[in-house]
Amino acid sequence: MRYLAFDLTDSSDDILTLEAMASTREAEHAAVMAEVEQVLAWAQAEFGGRQGPVEDGHAWDHELLVQHEAGGWVTVTLTFSASAEFAEAFEAAFAQPDD
């Protein structure tokens, strides 16, 4: 992943959040969206049929926001609500080396 770097946060209700944001010029937006599609395709392949509200027992759900900003910038935010099982598999699949 070149554009998306996910941060994991925990909550008191055992629902984890994985969130990434990328802000790029319009010319790079297609590359960001290709990464988004790669991550969503992985989620569907690995946890297909288990998408929905995590608080209702599903493994994962997501929200994708795309905002066109002034000056030709585009901000993409991809947020997953996740079970521990999903978050562990996600981290194994998309682990990024520490800087």
PDB file of N, CA and C in Angstrom:
ATOM      1  N   MET A   1       0.841  -1.177   0.000  1.00  0.00           N
ATOM      2  CA  MET A   1       0.000   0.000   0.000  1.00  0.00           C
ATOM      3  C   MET A   1       0.890   1.246   0.000  1.00  0.00           C
ATOM      4  N   ARG A   2       0.593   2.099  -0.925  1.00  0.00           N
ATOM      5  CA  ARG A   2       1.357   3.344  -1.020  1.00  0.00           C
ATOM      6  C   ARG A   2       0.619   4.505  -0.363  1.00  0.00           C
ATOM      7  N   TYR A   3      -0.704   4.521  -0.468  1.00  0.00           N
ATOM      8  CA  TYR A   3      -1.474   5.667   0.005  1.00  0.00           C
ATOM      9  C   TYR A   3      -2.206   5.411   1.318  1.00  0.00           C
ATOM     10  N   LEU A   4      -2.691   4.199   1.509  1.00  0.00           N
ATOM     11  CA  LEU A   4      -3.494   3.900   2.690  1.00  0.00           C
ATOM     12  C   LEU A   4      -2.641   3.254   3.785  1.00  0.00           C
ATOM     13  N   ALA A   5      -2.651   3.860   4.946  1.00  0.00           N
ATOM     14  CA  ALA A   5      -2.008   3.297   6.136  1.00  0.00           C
ATOM     15  C   ALA A   5      -3.077   3.281   7.225  1.00  0.00           C
ATOM     16  N   PHE A   6      -3.423   2.100   7.696  1.00  0.00           N
ATOM     17  CA  PHE A   6      -4.532   1.949   8.629  1.00  0.00           C
ATOM     18  C   PHE A   6      -4.070   2.057  10.071  1.00  0.00           C
ATOM     19  N   ASP A   7      -4.880   2.733  10.872  1.00  0.00           N
ATOM     20  CA  ASP A   7      -4.691   2.809  12.315  1.00  0.00           C
ATOM     21  C   ASP A   7      -5.777   1.964  12.962  1.00  0.00           C
ATOM     22  N   LEU A   8      -5.394   1.201  13.970  1.00  0.00           N
ATOM     23  CA  LEU A   8      -6.326   0.347  14.693  1.00  0.00           C
ATOM     24  C   LEU A   8      -6.621   0.963  16.049  1.00  0.00           C
ATOM     25  N   THR A   9      -7.908   1.090  16.371  1.00  0.00           N
ATOM     26  CA  THR A   9      -8.307   1.551  17.696  1.00  0.00           C
ATOM     27  C   THR A   9      -9.301   0.552  18.269  1.00  0.00           C
ATOM     28  N   ASP A  10      -9.283   0.460  19.571  1.00  0.00           N
ATOM     29  CA  ASP A  10     -10.143  -0.462  20.301  1.00  0.00           C
ATOM     30  C   ASP A  10     -11.192   0.346  21.043  1.00  0.00           C
ATOM     31  N   SER A  11     -12.317  -0.273  21.316  1.00  0.00           N
ATOM     32  CA  SER A  11     -13.347   0.389  22.109  1.00  0.00           C
ATOM     33  C   SER A  11     -13.766  -0.538  23.239  1.00  0.00           C
ATOM     34  N   SER A  12     -14.519  -0.010  24.149  1.00  0.00           N
ATOM     35  CA  SER A  12     -14.924  -0.782  25.315  1.00  0.00           C
ATOM     36  C   SER A  12     -15.934  -1.873  24.979  1.00  0.00           C
ATOM     37  N   ASP A  13     -16.548  -1.822  23.785  1.00  0.00           N
ATOM     38  CA  ASP A  13     -17.556  -2.818  23.421  1.00  0.00           C
ATOM     39  C   ASP A  13     -17.013  -3.919  22.514  1.00  0.00           C
ATOM     40  N   ASP A  14     -15.697  -4.092  22.481  1.00  0.00           N
ATOM     41  CA  ASP A  14     -15.030  -5.144  21.694  1.00  0.00           C
ATOM     42  C   ASP A  14     -15.203  -4.991  20.192  1.00  0.00           C
ATOM     43  N   ILE A  15     -15.575  -3.822  19.733  1.00  0.00           N
ATOM     44  CA  ILE A  15     -15.613  -3.532  18.307  1.00  0.00           C
ATOM     45  C   ILE A  15     -14.377  -2.707  17.988  1.00  0.00           C
ATOM     46  N   LEU A  16     -13.579  -3.203  17.069  1.00  0.00           N
ATOM     47  CA  LEU A  16     -12.349  -2.525  16.693  1.00  0.00           C
ATOM     48  C   LEU A  16     -12.617  -1.638  15.481  1.00  0.00           C
ATOM     49  N   THR A  17     -11.805  -0.599  15.329  1.00  0.00           N
ATOM     50  CA  THR A  17     -11.919   0.298  14.191  1.00  0.00           C
ATOM     51  C   THR A  17     -10.576   0.346  13.482  1.00  0.00           C
ATOM     52  N   LEU A  18     -10.618   0.118  12.181  1.00  0.00           N
ATOM     53  CA  LEU A  18      -9.459   0.278  11.307  1.00  0.00           C
ATOM     54  C   LEU A  18      -9.781   1.429  10.377  1.00  0.00           C
ATOM     55  N   GLU A  19      -8.929   2.462  10.385  1.00  0.00           N
ATOM     56  CA  GLU A  19      -9.226   3.642   9.577  1.00  0.00           C
ATOM     57  C   GLU A  19      -7.994   4.121   8.838  1.00  0.00           C
ATOM     58  N   ALA A  20      -8.215   4.503   7.581  1.00  0.00           N
ATOM     59  CA  ALA A  20      -7.147   5.088   6.772  1.00  0.00           C
ATOM     60  C   ALA A  20      -7.694   6.295   6.040  1.00  0.00           C
ATOM     61  N   MET A  21      -6.832   7.290   5.860  1.00  0.00           N
ATOM     62  CA  MET A  21      -7.203   8.489   5.120  1.00  0.00           C
ATOM     63  C   MET A  21      -6.064   8.825   4.163  1.00  0.00           C
ATOM     64  N   ALA A  22      -6.431   9.191   2.958  1.00  0.00           N
ATOM     65  CA  ALA A  22      -5.440   9.628   1.978  1.00  0.00           C
ATOM     66  C   ALA A  22      -5.949  10.906   1.339  1.00  0.00           C
ATOM     67  N   SER A  23      -5.104  11.911   1.282  1.00  0.00           N
ATOM     68  CA  SER A  23      -5.440  13.169   0.638  1.00  0.00           C
ATOM     69  C   SER A  23      -4.433  13.385  -0.486  1.00  0.00           C
ATOM     70  N   THR A  24      -4.936  13.366  -1.714  1.00  0.00           N
ATOM     71  CA  THR A  24      -4.058  13.456  -2.878  1.00  0.00           C
ATOM     72  C   THR A  24      -4.631  14.440  -3.893  1.00  0.00           C
ATOM     73  N   ARG A  25      -3.821  14.738  -4.861  1.00  0.00           N
ATOM     74  CA  ARG A  25      -4.285  15.518  -6.001  1.00  0.00           C
ATOM     75  C   ARG A  25      -5.178  14.622  -6.855  1.00  0.00           C
ATOM     76  N   GLU A  26      -6.033  15.229  -7.636  1.00  0.00           N
ATOM     77  CA  GLU A  26      -6.968  14.492  -8.499  1.00  0.00           C
ATOM     78  C   GLU A  26      -6.241  13.467  -9.361  1.00  0.00           C
ATOM     79  N   ALA A  27      -5.050  13.782  -9.840  1.00  0.00           N
ATOM     80  CA  ALA A  27      -4.301  12.883 -10.712  1.00  0.00           C
ATOM     81  C   ALA A  27      -3.941  11.563 -10.029  1.00  0.00           C
ATOM     82  N   GLU A  28      -3.842  11.550  -8.710  1.00  0.00           N
ATOM     83  CA  GLU A  28      -3.492  10.340  -7.964  1.00  0.00           C
ATOM     84  C   GLU A  28      -4.711   9.631  -7.378  1.00  0.00           C
ATOM     85  N   HIS A  29      -5.874  10.200  -7.543  1.00  0.00           N
ATOM     86  CA  HIS A  29      -7.085   9.649  -6.936  1.00  0.00           C
ATOM     87  C   HIS A  29      -7.369   8.222  -7.407  1.00  0.00           C
ATOM     88  N   ALA A  30      -7.175   7.927  -8.672  1.00  0.00           N
ATOM     89  CA  ALA A  30      -7.430   6.575  -9.186  1.00  0.00           C
ATOM     90  C   ALA A  30      -6.547   5.543  -8.488  1.00  0.00           C
ATOM     91  N   ALA A  31      -5.318   5.899  -8.182  1.00  0.00           N
ATOM     92  CA  ALA A  31      -4.413   4.972  -7.488  1.00  0.00           C
ATOM     93  C   ALA A  31      -4.885   4.716  -6.055  1.00  0.00           C
ATOM     94  N   VAL A  32      -5.392   5.752  -5.405  1.00  0.00           N
ATOM     95  CA  VAL A  32      -5.942   5.581  -4.050  1.00  0.00           C
ATOM     96  C   VAL A  32      -7.144   4.651  -4.110  1.00  0.00           C
ATOM     97  N   MET A  33      -8.027   4.885  -5.057  1.00  0.00           N
ATOM     98  CA  MET A  33      -9.228   4.053  -5.161  1.00  0.00           C
ATOM     99  C   MET A  33      -8.888   2.610  -5.528  1.00  0.00           C
ATOM    100  N   ALA A  34      -7.808   2.392  -6.258  1.00  0.00           N
ATOM    101  CA  ALA A  34      -7.368   1.029  -6.556  1.00  0.00           C
ATOM    102  C   ALA A  34      -6.963   0.318  -5.259  1.00  0.00           C
ATOM    103  N   GLU A  35      -6.306   1.038  -4.350  1.00  0.00           N
ATOM    104  CA  GLU A  35      -5.962   0.451  -3.059  1.00  0.00           C
ATOM    105  C   GLU A  35      -7.216   0.155  -2.245  1.00  0.00           C
ATOM    106  N   VAL A  36      -8.185   1.063  -2.271  1.00  0.00           N
ATOM    107  CA  VAL A  36      -9.457   0.841  -1.575  1.00  0.00           C
ATOM    108  C   VAL A  36     -10.112  -0.427  -2.110  1.00  0.00           C
ATOM    109  N   GLU A  37     -10.167  -0.563  -3.422  1.00  0.00           N
ATOM    110  CA  GLU A  37     -10.782  -1.746  -4.039  1.00  0.00           C
ATOM    111  C   GLU A  37     -10.036  -3.021  -3.669  1.00  0.00           C
ATOM    112  N   GLN A  38      -8.716  -2.943  -3.578  1.00  0.00           N
ATOM    113  CA  GLN A  38      -7.911  -4.110  -3.186  1.00  0.00           C
ATOM    114  C   GLN A  38      -8.277  -4.568  -1.776  1.00  0.00           C
ATOM    115  N   VAL A  39      -8.389  -3.623  -0.856  1.00  0.00           N
ATOM    116  CA  VAL A  39      -8.718  -3.950   0.531  1.00  0.00           C
ATOM    117  C   VAL A  39     -10.146  -4.499   0.623  1.00  0.00           C
ATOM    118  N   LEU A  40     -11.092  -3.870  -0.064  1.00  0.00           N
ATOM    119  CA  LEU A  40     -12.472  -4.348  -0.022  1.00  0.00           C
ATOM    120  C   LEU A  40     -12.610  -5.726  -0.672  1.00  0.00           C
ATOM    121  N   ALA A  41     -11.858  -5.979  -1.738  1.00  0.00           N
ATOM    122  CA  ALA A  41     -11.889  -7.295  -2.381  1.00  0.00           C
ATOM    123  C   ALA A  41     -11.349  -8.359  -1.428  1.00  0.00           C
ATOM    124  N   TRP A  42     -10.284  -8.023  -0.696  1.00  0.00           N
ATOM    125  CA  TRP A  42      -9.753  -8.961   0.301  1.00  0.00           C
ATOM    126  C   TRP A  42     -10.817  -9.263   1.355  1.00  0.00           C
ATOM    127  N   ALA A  43     -11.479  -8.230   1.868  1.00  0.00           N
ATOM    128  CA  ALA A  43     -12.491  -8.421   2.903  1.00  0.00           C
ATOM    129  C   ALA A  43     -13.616  -9.326   2.400  1.00  0.00           C
ATOM    130  N   GLN A  44     -14.053  -9.110   1.181  1.00  0.00           N
ATOM    131  CA  GLN A  44     -15.109  -9.944   0.604  1.00  0.00           C
ATOM    132  C   GLN A  44     -14.635 -11.382   0.405  1.00  0.00           C
ATOM    133  N   ALA A  45     -13.401 -11.550  -0.048  1.00  0.00           N
ATOM    134  CA  ALA A  45     -12.872 -12.894  -0.293  1.00  0.00           C
ATOM    135  C   ALA A  45     -12.677 -13.671   1.007  1.00  0.00           C
ATOM    136  N   GLU A  46     -12.175 -13.002   2.024  1.00  0.00           N
ATOM    137  CA  GLU A  46     -11.853 -13.678   3.284  1.00  0.00           C
ATOM    138  C   GLU A  46     -13.043 -13.781   4.238  1.00  0.00           C
ATOM    139  N   PHE A  47     -13.933 -12.813   4.198  1.00  0.00           N
ATOM    140  CA  PHE A  47     -15.047 -12.751   5.147  1.00  0.00           C
ATOM    141  C   PHE A  47     -16.370 -12.512   4.425  1.00  0.00           C
ATOM    142  N   GLY A  48     -16.488 -13.046   3.208  1.00  0.00           N
ATOM    143  CA  GLY A  48     -17.713 -12.902   2.437  1.00  0.00           C
ATOM    144  C   GLY A  48     -18.916 -13.455   3.200  1.00  0.00           C
ATOM    145  N   GLY A  49     -20.010 -12.776   3.102  1.00  0.00           N
ATOM    146  CA  GLY A  49     -21.213 -13.209   3.798  1.00  0.00           C
ATOM    147  C   GLY A  49     -21.237 -12.861   5.271  1.00  0.00           C
ATOM    148  N   ARG A  50     -20.165 -12.211   5.749  1.00  0.00           N
ATOM    149  CA  ARG A  50     -20.086 -11.857   7.167  1.00  0.00           C
ATOM    150  C   ARG A  50     -20.020 -10.350   7.361  1.00  0.00           C
ATOM    151  N   GLN A  51     -20.419  -9.606   6.336  1.00  0.00           N
ATOM    152  CA  GLN A  51     -20.426  -8.145   6.415  1.00  0.00           C
ATOM    153  C   GLN A  51     -21.757  -7.668   6.975  1.00  0.00           C
ATOM    154  N   GLY A  52     -21.681  -6.731   7.893  1.00  0.00           N
ATOM    155  CA  GLY A  52     -22.857  -6.139   8.500  1.00  0.00           C
ATOM    156  C   GLY A  52     -22.476  -5.557   9.842  1.00  0.00           C
ATOM    157  N   PRO A  53     -23.430  -5.058  10.577  1.00  0.00           N
ATOM    158  CA  PRO A  53     -23.113  -4.442  11.869  1.00  0.00           C
ATOM    159  C   PRO A  53     -22.395  -5.417  12.813  1.00  0.00           C
ATOM    160  N   VAL A  54     -21.214  -5.035  13.243  1.00  0.00           N
ATOM    161  CA  VAL A  54     -20.420  -5.897  14.115  1.00  0.00           C
ATOM    162  C   VAL A  54     -21.138  -6.117  15.441  1.00  0.00           C
ATOM    163  N   GLU A  55     -21.865  -5.102  15.904  1.00  0.00           N
ATOM    164  CA  GLU A  55     -22.591  -5.247  17.164  1.00  0.00           C
ATOM    165  C   GLU A  55     -23.709  -6.289  17.071  1.00  0.00           C
ATOM    166  N   ASP A  56     -24.072  -6.674  15.831  1.00  0.00           N
ATOM    167  CA  ASP A  56     -25.072  -7.720  15.622  1.00  0.00           C
ATOM    168  C   ASP A  56     -24.440  -9.075  15.336  1.00  0.00           C
ATOM    169  N   GLY A  57     -23.122  -9.180  15.529  1.00  0.00           N
ATOM    170  CA  GLY A  57     -22.435 -10.457  15.361  1.00  0.00           C
ATOM    171  C   GLY A  57     -21.729 -10.662  14.040  1.00  0.00           C
ATOM    172  N   HIS A  58     -21.743  -9.676  13.157  1.00  0.00           N
ATOM    173  CA  HIS A  58     -21.019  -9.789  11.892  1.00  0.00           C
ATOM    174  C   HIS A  58     -19.529  -9.541  12.131  1.00  0.00           C
ATOM    175  N   ALA A  59     -18.703  -9.940  11.163  1.00  0.00           N
ATOM    176  CA  ALA A  59     -17.253  -9.802  11.312  1.00  0.00           C
ATOM    177  C   ALA A  59     -16.748  -8.409  10.955  1.00  0.00           C
ATOM    178  N   TRP A  60     -17.443  -7.748  10.031  1.00  0.00           N
ATOM    179  CA  TRP A  60     -16.941  -6.447   9.586  1.00  0.00           C
ATOM    180  C   TRP A  60     -18.025  -5.645   8.875  1.00  0.00           C
ATOM    181  N   ASP A  61     -17.791  -4.362   8.826  1.00  0.00           N
ATOM    182  CA  ASP A  61     -18.585  -3.441   8.032  1.00  0.00           C
ATOM    183  C   ASP A  61     -17.657  -2.295   7.656  1.00  0.00           C
ATOM    184  N   HIS A  62     -18.028  -1.497   6.697  1.00  0.00           N
ATOM    185  CA  HIS A  62     -17.143  -0.399   6.300  1.00  0.00           C
ATOM    186  C   HIS A  62     -17.937   0.827   5.880  1.00  0.00           C
ATOM    187  N   GLU A  63     -17.217   1.935   5.877  1.00  0.00           N
ATOM    188  CA  GLU A  63     -17.741   3.200   5.366  1.00  0.00           C
ATOM    189  C   GLU A  63     -16.651   3.825   4.515  1.00  0.00           C
ATOM    190  N   LEU A  64     -17.021   4.305   3.349  1.00  0.00           N
ATOM    191  CA  LEU A  64     -16.088   4.958   2.438  1.00  0.00           C
ATOM    192  C   LEU A  64     -16.594   6.363   2.165  1.00  0.00           C
ATOM    193  N   LEU A  65     -15.746   7.343   2.449  1.00  0.00           N
ATOM    194  CA  LEU A  65     -16.072   8.742   2.183  1.00  0.00           C
ATOM    195  C   LEU A  65     -15.063   9.300   1.189  1.00  0.00           C
ATOM    196  N   VAL A  66     -15.559   9.985   0.174  1.00  0.00           N
ATOM    197  CA  VAL A  66     -14.703  10.651  -0.806  1.00  0.00           C
ATOM    198  C   VAL A  66     -15.138  12.104  -0.854  1.00  0.00           C
ATOM    199  N   GLN A  67     -14.195  13.001  -0.555  1.00  0.00           N
ATOM    200  CA  GLN A  67     -14.502  14.427  -0.537  1.00  0.00           C
ATOM    201  C   GLN A  67     -13.575  15.151  -1.504  1.00  0.00           C
ATOM    202  N   HIS A  68     -14.183  15.914  -2.397  1.00  0.00           N
ATOM    203  CA  HIS A  68     -13.413  16.736  -3.328  1.00  0.00           C
ATOM    204  C   HIS A  68     -13.215  18.101  -2.673  1.00  0.00           C
ATOM    205  N   GLU A  69     -11.951  18.463  -2.480  1.00  0.00           N
ATOM    206  CA  GLU A  69     -11.585  19.676  -1.759  1.00  0.00           C
ATOM    207  C   GLU A  69     -11.151  20.768  -2.741  1.00  0.00           C
ATOM    208  N   ALA A  70     -11.000  21.945  -2.209  1.00  0.00           N
ATOM    209  CA  ALA A  70     -10.514  23.072  -3.002  1.00  0.00           C
ATOM    210  C   ALA A  70      -9.098  22.803  -3.491  1.00  0.00           C
ATOM    211  N   GLY A  71      -8.759  23.373  -4.614  1.00  0.00           N
ATOM    212  CA  GLY A  71      -7.398  23.273  -5.133  1.00  0.00           C
ATOM    213  C   GLY A  71      -7.084  21.948  -5.802  1.00  0.00           C
ATOM    214  N   GLY A  72      -8.117  21.153  -6.110  1.00  0.00           N
ATOM    215  CA  GLY A  72      -7.875  19.892  -6.805  1.00  0.00           C
ATOM    216  C   GLY A  72      -7.484  18.729  -5.914  1.00  0.00           C
ATOM    217  N   TRP A  73      -7.681  18.841  -4.618  1.00  0.00           N
ATOM    218  CA  TRP A  73      -7.370  17.763  -3.682  1.00  0.00           C
ATOM    219  C   TRP A  73      -8.590  16.868  -3.494  1.00  0.00           C
ATOM    220  N   VAL A  74      -8.329  15.584  -3.275  1.00  0.00           N
ATOM    221  CA  VAL A  74      -9.387  14.617  -2.987  1.00  0.00           C
ATOM    222  C   VAL A  74      -8.982  13.861  -1.726  1.00  0.00           C
ATOM    223  N   THR A  75      -9.883  13.813  -0.753  1.00  0.00           N
ATOM    224  CA  THR A  75      -9.630  13.093   0.486  1.00  0.00           C
ATOM    225  C   THR A  75     -10.519  11.856   0.525  1.00  0.00           C
ATOM    226  N   VAL A  76      -9.892  10.717   0.745  1.00  0.00           N
ATOM    227  CA  VAL A  76     -10.581   9.438   0.833  1.00  0.00           C
ATOM    228  C   VAL A  76     -10.380   8.903   2.242  1.00  0.00           C
ATOM    229  N   THR A  77     -11.491   8.539   2.889  1.00  0.00           N
ATOM    230  CA  THR A  77     -11.425   7.929   4.222  1.00  0.00           C
ATOM    231  C   THR A  77     -12.138   6.590   4.148  1.00  0.00           C
ATOM    232  N   LEU A  78     -11.424   5.529   4.525  1.00  0.00           N
ATOM    233  CA  LEU A  78     -11.991   4.192   4.570  1.00  0.00           C
ATOM    234  C   LEU A  78     -11.933   3.719   6.012  1.00  0.00           C
ATOM    235  N   THR A  79     -13.095   3.394   6.568  1.00  0.00           N
ATOM    236  CA  THR A  79     -13.188   2.974   7.959  1.00  0.00           C
ATOM    237  C   THR A  79     -13.871   1.620   8.034  1.00  0.00           C
ATOM    238  N   PHE A  80     -13.235   0.693   8.735  1.00  0.00           N
ATOM    239  CA  PHE A  80     -13.823  -0.612   9.009  1.00  0.00           C
ATOM    240  C   PHE A  80     -14.202  -0.685  10.472  1.00  0.00           C
ATOM    241  N   SER A  81     -15.401  -1.181  10.760  1.00  0.00           N
ATOM    242  CA  SER A  81     -15.756  -1.672  12.084  1.00  0.00           C
ATOM    243  C   SER A  81     -15.467  -3.157  12.005  1.00  0.00           C
ATOM    244  N   ALA A  82     -14.789  -3.697  13.017  1.00  0.00           N
ATOM    245  CA  ALA A  82     -14.292  -5.061  12.862  1.00  0.00           C
ATOM    246  C   ALA A  82     -14.341  -5.863  14.155  1.00  0.00           C
ATOM    247  N   SER A  83     -14.540  -7.158  13.981  1.00  0.00           N
ATOM    248  CA  SER A  83     -14.370  -8.095  15.082  1.00  0.00           C
ATOM    249  C   SER A  83     -12.872  -8.312  15.272  1.00  0.00           C
ATOM    250  N   ALA A  84     -12.485  -8.895  16.388  1.00  0.00           N
ATOM    251  CA  ALA A  84     -11.071  -9.204  16.633  1.00  0.00           C
ATOM    252  C   ALA A  84     -10.539 -10.144  15.558  1.00  0.00           C
ATOM    253  N   GLU A  85     -11.338 -11.106  15.142  1.00  0.00           N
ATOM    254  CA  GLU A  85     -10.927 -12.062  14.106  1.00  0.00           C
ATOM    255  C   GLU A  85     -10.604 -11.334  12.800  1.00  0.00           C
ATOM    256  N   PHE A  86     -11.477 -10.433  12.386  1.00  0.00           N
ATOM    257  CA  PHE A  86     -11.254  -9.674  11.157  1.00  0.00           C
ATOM    258  C   PHE A  86     -10.006  -8.805  11.287  1.00  0.00           C
ATOM    259  N   ALA A  87      -9.876  -8.088  12.406  1.00  0.00           N
ATOM    260  CA  ALA A  87      -8.735  -7.188  12.594  1.00  0.00           C
ATOM    261  C   ALA A  87      -7.409  -7.950  12.565  1.00  0.00           C
ATOM    262  N   GLU A  88      -7.360  -9.114  13.186  1.00  0.00           N
ATOM    263  CA  GLU A  88      -6.128  -9.917  13.176  1.00  0.00           C
ATOM    264  C   GLU A  88      -5.785 -10.372  11.764  1.00  0.00           C
ATOM    265  N   ALA A  89      -6.776 -10.849  11.027  1.00  0.00           N
ATOM    266  CA  ALA A  89      -6.536 -11.285   9.652  1.00  0.00           C
ATOM    267  C   ALA A  89      -6.132 -10.105   8.771  1.00  0.00           C
ATOM    268  N   PHE A  90      -6.766  -8.961   8.980  1.00  0.00           N
ATOM    269  CA  PHE A  90      -6.447  -7.752   8.224  1.00  0.00           C
ATOM    270  C   PHE A  90      -4.997  -7.346   8.458  1.00  0.00           C
ATOM    271  N   GLU A  91      -4.602  -7.301   9.713  1.00  0.00           N
ATOM    272  CA  GLU A  91      -3.222  -6.911  10.032  1.00  0.00           C
ATOM    273  C   GLU A  91      -2.222  -7.887   9.441  1.00  0.00           C
ATOM    274  N   ALA A  92      -2.532  -9.177   9.443  1.00  0.00           N
ATOM    275  CA  ALA A  92      -1.624 -10.166   8.853  1.00  0.00           C
ATOM    276  C   ALA A  92      -1.514  -9.964   7.335  1.00  0.00           C
ATOM    277  N   ALA A  93      -2.622  -9.635   6.696  1.00  0.00           N
ATOM    278  CA  ALA A  93      -2.628  -9.467   5.252  1.00  0.00           C
ATOM    279  C   ALA A  93      -1.990  -8.163   4.790  1.00  0.00           C
ATOM    280  N   PHE A  94      -2.136  -7.106   5.605  1.00  0.00           N
ATOM    281  CA  PHE A  94      -1.702  -5.776   5.175  1.00  0.00           C
ATOM    282  C   PHE A  94      -0.689  -5.151   6.126  1.00  0.00           C
ATOM    283  N   ALA A  95       0.065  -5.968   6.821  1.00  0.00           N
ATOM    284  CA  ALA A  95       1.066  -5.444   7.757  1.00  0.00           C
ATOM    285  C   ALA A  95       2.027  -4.520   7.020  1.00  0.00           C
ATOM    286  N   GLN A  96       2.287  -3.387   7.653  1.00  0.00           N
ATOM    287  CA  GLN A  96       3.216  -2.417   7.096  1.00  0.00           C
ATOM    288  C   GLN A  96       4.409  -2.303   8.018  1.00  0.00           C
ATOM    289  N   PRO A  97       5.620  -2.311   7.459  1.00  0.00           N
ATOM    290  CA  PRO A  97       6.793  -2.194   8.324  1.00  0.00           C
ATOM    291  C   PRO A  97       6.810  -0.852   9.042  1.00  0.00           C
ATOM    292  N   ASP A  98       7.329  -0.854  10.260  1.00  0.00           N
ATOM    293  CA  ASP A  98       7.465   0.403  11.000  1.00  0.00           C
ATOM    294  C   ASP A  98       8.486   1.289  10.324  1.00  0.00           C
ATOM    295  N   ASP A  99       8.227   2.589  10.397  1.00  0.00           N
ATOM    296  CA  ASP A  99       9.161   3.562   9.762  1.00  0.00           C
ATOM    297  C   ASP A  99      10.420   3.661  10.561  1.00  0.00           C
TER     298      ASP A  99
END
